[in-house]
Amino acid sequence: ILSFILVLIGILINNYLISASILMQSLLLISLKGG
């Protein structure tokens, strides 16, 4: 929930640096082993 709220805050800030950094971290959440 907190992670989702942080992403929403990033969307509201509407800054390409924040958006791209959050996306990069979000991609690192994906586990190829099933997670």
All heavy atoms as atom14 arrays in JSON, in Angstrom:
{
  "sequence": "ILSFILVLIGILINNYLISASILMQSLLLISLKGG",
  "atom14_mask": [
    [1, 1, 1, 1, 1, 1, 1, 1, 0, 0, 0, 0, 0, 0],
    [1, 1, 1, 1, 1, 1, 1, 1, 0, 0, 0, 0, 0, 0],
    [1, 1, 1, 1, 1, 1, 0, 0, 0, 0, 0, 0, 0, 0],
    [1, 1, 1, 1, 1, 1, 1, 1, 1, 1, 1, 0, 0, 0],
    [1, 1, 1, 1, 1, 1, 1, 1, 0, 0, 0, 0, 0, 0],
    [1, 1, 1, 1, 1, 1, 1, 1, 0, 0, 0, 0, 0, 0],
    [1, 1, 1, 1, 1, 1, 1, 0, 0, 0, 0, 0, 0, 0],
    [1, 1, 1, 1, 1, 1, 1, 1, 0, 0, 0, 0, 0, 0],
    [1, 1, 1, 1, 1, 1, 1, 1, 0, 0, 0, 0, 0, 0],
    [1, 1, 1, 1, 0, 0, 0, 0, 0, 0, 0, 0, 0, 0],
    [1, 1, 1, 1, 1, 1, 1, 1, 0, 0, 0, 0, 0, 0],
    [1, 1, 1, 1, 1, 1, 1, 1, 0, 0, 0, 0, 0, 0],
    [1, 1, 1, 1, 1, 1, 1, 1, 0, 0, 0, 0, 0, 0],
    [1, 1, 1, 1, 1, 1, 1, 1, 0, 0, 0, 0, 0, 0],
    [1, 1, 1, 1, 1, 1, 1, 1, 0, 0, 0, 0, 0, 0],
    [1, 1, 1, 1, 1, 1, 1, 1, 1, 1, 1, 1, 0, 0],
    [1, 1, 1, 1, 1, 1, 1, 1, 0, 0, 0, 0, 0, 0],
    [1, 1, 1, 1, 1, 1, 1, 1, 0, 0, 0, 0, 0, 0],
    [1, 1, 1, 1, 1, 1, 0, 0, 0, 0, 0, 0, 0, 0],
    [1, 1, 1, 1, 1, 0, 0, 0, 0, 0, 0, 0, 0, 0],
    [1, 1, 1, 1, 1, 1, 0, 0, 0, 0, 0, 0, 0, 0],
    [1, 1, 1, 1, 1, 1, 1, 1, 0, 0, 0, 0, 0, 0],
    [1, 1, 1, 1, 1, 1, 1, 1, 0, 0, 0, 0, 0, 0],
    [1, 1, 1, 1, 1, 1, 1, 1, 0, 0, 0, 0, 0, 0],
    [1, 1, 1, 1, 1, 1, 1, 1, 1, 0, 0, 0, 0, 0],
    [1, 1, 1, 1, 1, 1, 0, 0, 0, 0, 0, 0, 0, 0],
    [1, 1, 1, 1, 1, 1, 1, 1, 0, 0, 0, 0, 0, 0],
    [1, 1, 1, 1, 1, 1, 1, 1, 0, 0, 0, 0, 0, 0],
    [1, 1, 1, 1, 1, 1, 1, 1, 0, 0, 0, 0, 0, 0],
    [1, 1, 1, 1, 1, 1, 1, 1, 0, 0, 0, 0, 0, 0],
    [1, 1, 1, 1, 1, 1, 0, 0, 0, 0, 0, 0, 0, 0],
    [1, 1, 1, 1, 1, 1, 1, 1, 0, 0, 0, 0, 0, 0],
    [1, 1, 1, 1, 1, 1, 1, 1, 1, 0, 0, 0, 0, 0],
    [1, 1, 1, 1, 0, 0, 0, 0, 0, 0, 0, 0, 0, 0],
    [1, 1, 1, 1, 0, 0, 0, 0, 0, 0, 0, 0, 0, 0]
  ],
  "atom14_positions": [
    [[0.83, -1.2, 0.0], [0.0, 0.0, 0.0], [0.87, 1.26, 0.0], [0.63, 2.19, -0.77], [-0.97, -0.02, 1.21], [-2.0, -1.14, 1.04], [-1.65, 1.33, 1.39], [-2.78, -1.46, 2.29], [0.0, 0.0, 0.0], [0.0, 0.0, 0.0], [0.0, 0.0, 0.0], [0.0, 0.0, 0.0], [0.0, 0.0, 0.0], [0.0, 0.0, 0.0]],
    [[1.88, 1.27, 0.85], [2.78, 2.42, 0.9], [3.52, 2.61, -0.42], [3.67, 3.74, -0.91], [3.77, 2.25, 2.05], [4.69, 3.43, 2.36], [3.91, 4.73, 2.54], [5.52, 3.13, 3.59], [0.0, 0.0, 0.0], [0.0, 0.0, 0.0], [0.0, 0.0, 0.0], [0.0, 0.0, 0.0], [0.0, 0.0, 0.0], [0.0, 0.0, 0.0]],
    [[3.95, 1.52, -1.04], [4.61, 1.59, -2.34], [3.67, 2.2, -3.38], [4.07, 3.06, -4.17], [5.06, 0.2, -2.81], [5.99, -0.35, -1.93], [0.0, 0.0, 0.0], [0.0, 0.0, 0.0], [0.0, 0.0, 0.0], [0.0, 0.0, 0.0], [0.0, 0.0, 0.0], [0.0, 0.0, 0.0], [0.0, 0.0, 0.0], [0.0, 0.0, 0.0]],
    [[2.42, 1.76, -3.37], [1.43, 2.28, -4.31], [1.19, 3.77, -4.08], [1.12, 4.56, -5.03], [0.12, 1.48, -4.19], [-0.93, 1.89, -5.17], [-0.79, 1.62, -6.52], [-2.06, 2.56, -4.75], [-1.76, 2.0, -7.43], [-3.04, 2.95, -5.65], [-2.89, 2.67, -7.0], [0.0, 0.0, 0.0], [0.0, 0.0, 0.0], [0.0, 0.0, 0.0]],
    [[1.1, 4.17, -2.82], [0.91, 5.59, -2.5], [2.09, 6.41, -3.0], [1.91, 7.51, -3.55], [0.7, 5.78, -0.98], [-0.67, 5.22, -0.58], [0.83, 7.25, -0.57], [-0.9, 5.11, 0.92], [0.0, 0.0, 0.0], [0.0, 0.0, 0.0], [0.0, 0.0, 0.0], [0.0, 0.0, 0.0], [0.0, 0.0, 0.0], [0.0, 0.0, 0.0]],
    [[3.31, 5.9, -2.83], [4.49, 6.61, -3.33], [4.45, 6.77, -4.85], [4.81, 7.83, -5.37], [5.77, 5.89, -2.9], [6.1, 5.99, -1.41], [7.25, 5.05, -1.06], [6.42, 7.41, -1.01], [0.0, 0.0, 0.0], [0.0, 0.0, 0.0], [0.0, 0.0, 0.0], [0.0, 0.0, 0.0], [0.0, 0.0, 0.0], [0.0, 0.0, 0.0]],
    [[4.01, 5.74, -5.55], [3.89, 5.84, -7.0], [2.83, 6.89, -7.37], [3.04, 7.7, -8.27], [3.55, 4.47, -7.64], [3.23, 4.62, -9.12], [4.72, 3.5, -7.45], [0.0, 0.0, 0.0], [0.0, 0.0, 0.0], [0.0, 0.0, 0.0], [0.0, 0.0, 0.0], [0.0, 0.0, 0.0], [0.0, 0.0, 0.0], [0.0, 0.0, 0.0]],
    [[1.71, 6.9, -6.64], [0.67, 7.9, -6.9], [1.19, 9.32, -6.66], [0.88, 10.24, -7.43], [-0.56, 7.64, -6.02], [-1.37, 6.4, -6.37], [-2.56, 6.27, -5.41], [-1.85, 6.42, -7.81], [0.0, 0.0, 0.0], [0.0, 0.0, 0.0], [0.0, 0.0, 0.0], [0.0, 0.0, 0.0], [0.0, 0.0, 0.0], [0.0, 0.0, 0.0]],
    [[1.97, 9.49, -5.61], [2.58, 10.8, -5.35], [3.49, 11.19, -6.52], [3.48, 12.34, -6.97], [3.34, 10.8, -4.01], [2.35, 10.71, -2.85], [4.22, 12.04, -3.88], [2.98, 10.45, -1.5], [0.0, 0.0, 0.0], [0.0, 0.0, 0.0], [0.0, 0.0, 0.0], [0.0, 0.0, 0.0], [0.0, 0.0, 0.0], [0.0, 0.0, 0.0]],
    [[4.26, 10.22, -7.02], [5.1, 10.47, -8.18], [4.29, 10.91, -9.39], [4.69, 11.81, -10.13], [0.0, 0.0, 0.0], [0.0, 0.0, 0.0], [0.0, 0.0, 0.0], [0.0, 0.0, 0.0], [0.0, 0.0, 0.0], [0.0, 0.0, 0.0], [0.0, 0.0, 0.0], [0.0, 0.0, 0.0], [0.0, 0.0, 0.0], [0.0, 0.0, 0.0]],
    [[3.13, 10.28, -9.59], [2.25, 10.65, -10.71], [1.76, 12.08, -10.52], [1.74, 12.88, -11.47], [1.07, 9.66, -10.83], [1.57, 8.29, -11.3], [0.01, 10.2, -11.79], [0.52, 7.18, -11.24], [0.0, 0.0, 0.0], [0.0, 0.0, 0.0], [0.0, 0.0, 0.0], [0.0, 0.0, 0.0], [0.0, 0.0, 0.0], [0.0, 0.0, 0.0]],
    [[1.36, 12.42, -9.29], [0.87, 13.77, -9.02], [1.95, 14.84, -9.2], [1.67, 15.94, -9.67], [0.3, 13.85, -7.6], [-1.01, 13.09, -7.36], [-1.39, 13.12, -5.89], [-2.13, 13.66, -8.22], [0.0, 0.0, 0.0], [0.0, 0.0, 0.0], [0.0, 0.0, 0.0], [0.0, 0.0, 0.0], [0.0, 0.0, 0.0], [0.0, 0.0, 0.0]],
    [[3.17, 14.51, -8.83], [4.28, 15.47, -9.01], [4.54, 15.71, -10.49], [4.9, 16.81, -10.9], [5.55, 14.97, -8.28], [5.31, 15.0, -6.76], [6.75, 15.82, -8.66], [6.42, 14.38, -5.95], [0.0, 0.0, 0.0], [0.0, 0.0, 0.0], [0.0, 0.0, 0.0], [0.0, 0.0, 0.0], [0.0, 0.0, 0.0], [0.0, 0.0, 0.0]],
    [[4.35, 14.67, -11.31], [4.43, 14.8, -12.76], [5.79, 15.32, -13.23], [5.88, 16.28, -13.99], [3.31, 15.69, -13.29], [3.09, 15.52, -14.77], [3.28, 14.43, -15.31], [2.68, 16.58, -15.44], [0.0, 0.0, 0.0], [0.0, 0.0, 0.0], [0.0, 0.0, 0.0], [0.0, 0.0, 0.0], [0.0, 0.0, 0.0], [0.0, 0.0, 0.0]],
    [[6.86, 14.66, -12.75], [8.22, 15.02, -13.13], [8.84, 13.82, -13.83], [8.81, 12.71, -13.29], [9.0, 15.41, -11.87], [10.45, 15.71, -12.14], [11.23, 14.82, -12.47], [10.81, 16.98, -12.01], [0.0, 0.0, 0.0], [0.0, 0.0, 0.0], [0.0, 0.0, 0.0], [0.0, 0.0, 0.0], [0.0, 0.0, 0.0], [0.0, 0.0, 0.0]],
    [[9.41, 14.03, -14.98], [9.95, 12.9, -15.76], [11.08, 12.17, -15.04], [11.22, 10.96, -15.19], [10.38, 13.34, -17.16], [11.56, 14.27, -17.2], [12.85, 13.78, -17.32], [11.38, 15.64, -17.16], [13.94, 14.63, -17.36], [12.46, 16.5, -17.21], [13.74, 15.99, -17.31], [14.81, 16.83, -17.35], [0.0, 0.0, 0.0], [0.0, 0.0, 0.0]],
    [[11.88, 12.87, -14.26], [12.95, 12.22, -13.52], [12.4, 11.3, -12.43], [12.86, 10.17, -12.27], [13.88, 13.26, -12.89], [14.68, 14.12, -13.85], [15.35, 15.26, -13.12], [15.68, 13.3, -14.62], [0.0, 0.0, 0.0], [0.0, 0.0, 0.0], [0.0, 0.0, 0.0], [0.0, 0.0, 0.0], [0.0, 0.0, 0.0], [0.0, 0.0, 0.0]],
    [[11.41, 11.8, -11.72], [10.77, 10.99, -10.68], [10.06, 9.81, -11.3], [10.18, 8.67, -10.83], [9.83, 11.85, -9.83], [10.64, 12.88, -9.03], [8.97, 10.99, -8.9], [9.82, 13.91, -8.3], [0.0, 0.0, 0.0], [0.0, 0.0, 0.0], [0.0, 0.0, 0.0], [0.0, 0.0, 0.0], [0.0, 0.0, 0.0], [0.0, 0.0, 0.0]],
    [[9.3, 10.06, -12.37], [8.57, 8.98, -13.05], [9.51, 7.88, -13.55], [9.25, 6.69, -13.35], [7.77, 9.54, -14.23], [6.8, 10.44, -13.8], [0.0, 0.0, 0.0], [0.0, 0.0, 0.0], [0.0, 0.0, 0.0], [0.0, 0.0, 0.0], [0.0, 0.0, 0.0], [0.0, 0.0, 0.0], [0.0, 0.0, 0.0], [0.0, 0.0, 0.0]],
    [[10.6, 8.27, -14.19], [11.54, 7.29, -14.74], [12.25, 6.52, -13.62], [12.46, 5.31, -13.73], [12.56, 7.98, -15.64], [0.0, 0.0, 0.0], [0.0, 0.0, 0.0], [0.0, 0.0, 0.0], [0.0, 0.0, 0.0], [0.0, 0.0, 0.0], [0.0, 0.0, 0.0], [0.0, 0.0, 0.0], [0.0, 0.0, 0.0], [0.0, 0.0, 0.0]],
    [[12.59, 7.19, -12.53], [13.25, 6.53, -11.4], [12.31, 5.53, -10.74], [12.72, 4.42, -10.38], [13.72, 7.57, -10.38], [14.64, 8.44, -10.96], [0.0, 0.0, 0.0], [0.0, 0.0, 0.0], [0.0, 0.0, 0.0], [0.0, 0.0, 0.0], [0.0, 0.0, 0.0], [0.0, 0.0, 0.0], [0.0, 0.0, 0.0], [0.0, 0.0, 0.0]],
    [[11.07, 5.93, -10.57], [10.07, 5.03, -9.98], [9.82, 3.84, -10.9], [9.71, 2.7, -10.43], [8.77, 5.8, -9.67], [9.0, 6.71, -8.46], [7.59, 4.86, -9.45], [7.84, 7.63, -8.13], [0.0, 0.0, 0.0], [0.0, 0.0, 0.0], [0.0, 0.0, 0.0], [0.0, 0.0, 0.0], [0.0, 0.0, 0.0], [0.0, 0.0, 0.0]],
    [[9.76, 4.07, -12.2], [9.59, 2.96, -13.13], [10.76, 1.99, -13.05], [10.57, 0.77, -13.02], [9.43, 3.46, -14.57], [9.34, 2.36, -15.63], [8.1, 1.49, -15.43], [9.36, 2.96, -17.03], [0.0, 0.0, 0.0], [0.0, 0.0, 0.0], [0.0, 0.0, 0.0], [0.0, 0.0, 0.0], [0.0, 0.0, 0.0], [0.0, 0.0, 0.0]],
    [[11.97, 2.52, -12.99], [13.15, 1.65, -12.92], [13.09, 0.78, -11.67], [13.34, -0.42, -11.73], [14.42, 2.51, -12.93], [15.65, 1.74, -13.26], [15.58, 0.86, -14.86], [15.26, 2.18, -15.99], [0.0, 0.0, 0.0], [0.0, 0.0, 0.0], [0.0, 0.0, 0.0], [0.0, 0.0, 0.0], [0.0, 0.0, 0.0], [0.0, 0.0, 0.0]],
    [[12.74, 1.39, -10.54], [12.62, 0.61, -9.31], [11.47, -0.39, -9.4], [11.59, -1.52, -8.95], [12.44, 1.54, -8.1], [12.05, 0.85, -6.82], [12.93, -0.33, -6.43], [14.1, -0.39, -6.75], [12.36, -1.3, -5.74], [0.0, 0.0, 0.0], [0.0, 0.0, 0.0], [0.0, 0.0, 0.0], [0.0, 0.0, 0.0], [0.0, 0.0, 0.0]],
    [[10.38, 0.01, -10.02], [9.23, -0.9, -10.17], [9.6, -2.11, -11.02], [9.15, -3.23, -10.76], [8.05, -0.16, -10.8], [7.64, 0.91, -9.98], [0.0, 0.0, 0.0], [0.0, 0.0, 0.0], [0.0, 0.0, 0.0], [0.0, 0.0, 0.0], [0.0, 0.0, 0.0], [0.0, 0.0, 0.0], [0.0, 0.0, 0.0], [0.0, 0.0, 0.0]],
    [[10.42, -1.9, -12.04], [10.87, -3.02, -12.88], [11.75, -3.98, -12.09], [11.75, -5.18, -12.34], [11.62, -2.5, -14.1], [10.75, -1.79, -15.14], [11.62, -1.08, -16.17], [9.8, -2.77, -15.81], [0.0, 0.0, 0.0], [0.0, 0.0, 0.0], [0.0, 0.0, 0.0], [0.0, 0.0, 0.0], [0.0, 0.0, 0.0], [0.0, 0.0, 0.0]],
    [[12.49, -3.46, -11.11], [13.35, -4.31, -10.28], [12.55, -5.18, -9.31], [13.11, -6.07, -8.67], [14.37, -3.47, -9.52], [15.43, -2.8, -10.38], [16.28, -1.86, -9.54], [16.29, -3.83, -11.07], [0.0, 0.0, 0.0], [0.0, 0.0, 0.0], [0.0, 0.0, 0.0], [0.0, 0.0, 0.0], [0.0, 0.0, 0.0], [0.0, 0.0, 0.0]],
    [[11.26, -4.94, -9.21], [10.4, -5.77, -8.35], [10.07, -7.11, -9.0], [9.77, -8.07, -8.32], [9.08, -5.04, -8.06], [9.18, -3.72, -7.3], [7.81, -3.06, -7.22], [9.76, -3.93, -5.93], [0.0, 0.0, 0.0], [0.0, 0.0, 0.0], [0.0, 0.0, 0.0], [0.0, 0.0, 0.0], [0.0, 0.0, 0.0], [0.0, 0.0, 0.0]],
    [[10.14, -7.15, -10.31], [9.77, -8.35, -11.04], [10.81, -9.44, -10.78], [12.0, -9.24, -10.99], [9.67, -8.08, -12.55], [8.61, -7.01, -12.82], [9.35, -9.37, -13.31], [8.61, -6.5, -14.25], [0.0, 0.0, 0.0], [0.0, 0.0, 0.0], [0.0, 0.0, 0.0], [0.0, 0.0, 0.0], [0.0, 0.0, 0.0], [0.0, 0.0, 0.0]],
    [[10.34, -10.57, -10.31], [11.23, -11.69, -10.05], [11.05, -12.72, -11.14], [9.94, -13.18, -11.41], [10.92, -12.31, -8.69], [11.7, -13.46, -8.51], [0.0, 0.0, 0.0], [0.0, 0.0, 0.0], [0.0, 0.0, 0.0], [0.0, 0.0, 0.0], [0.0, 0.0, 0.0], [0.0, 0.0, 0.0], [0.0, 0.0, 0.0], [0.0, 0.0, 0.0]],
    [[12.15, -13.09, -11.77], [12.09, -14.1, -12.81], [11.93, -15.5, -12.23], [11.67, -16.44, -12.95], [13.33, -14.02, -13.68], [13.54, -12.68, -14.38], [14.84, -12.67, -15.17], [12.38, -12.36, -15.29], [0.0, 0.0, 0.0], [0.0, 0.0, 0.0], [0.0, 0.0, 0.0], [0.0, 0.0, 0.0], [0.0, 0.0, 0.0], [0.0, 0.0, 0.0]],
    [[12.1, -15.62, -10.9], [11.95, -16.91, -10.24], [10.57, -17.1, -9.64], [10.32, -18.05, -8.94], [12.99, -17.05, -9.13], [14.42, -17.01, -9.6], [15.35, -17.08, -8.43], [16.79, -16.85, -8.89], [17.68, -16.71, -7.76], [0.0, 0.0, 0.0], [0.0, 0.0, 0.0], [0.0, 0.0, 0.0], [0.0, 0.0, 0.0], [0.0, 0.0, 0.0]],
    [[9.68, -16.18, -9.85], [8.33, -16.31, -9.32], [8.02, -15.33, -8.22], [6.89, -14.98, -8.0], [0.0, 0.0, 0.0], [0.0, 0.0, 0.0], [0.0, 0.0, 0.0], [0.0, 0.0, 0.0], [0.0, 0.0, 0.0], [0.0, 0.0, 0.0], [0.0, 0.0, 0.0], [0.0, 0.0, 0.0], [0.0, 0.0, 0.0], [0.0, 0.0, 0.0]],
    [[9.02, -14.85, -7.49], [8.82, -13.83, -6.47], [8.07, -14.32, -5.25], [7.78, -15.48, -5.09], [0.0, 0.0, 0.0], [0.0, 0.0, 0.0], [0.0, 0.0, 0.0], [0.0, 0.0, 0.0], [0.0, 0.0, 0.0], [0.0, 0.0, 0.0], [0.0, 0.0, 0.0], [0.0, 0.0, 0.0], [0.0, 0.0, 0.0], [0.0, 0.0, 0.0]]
  ]
}
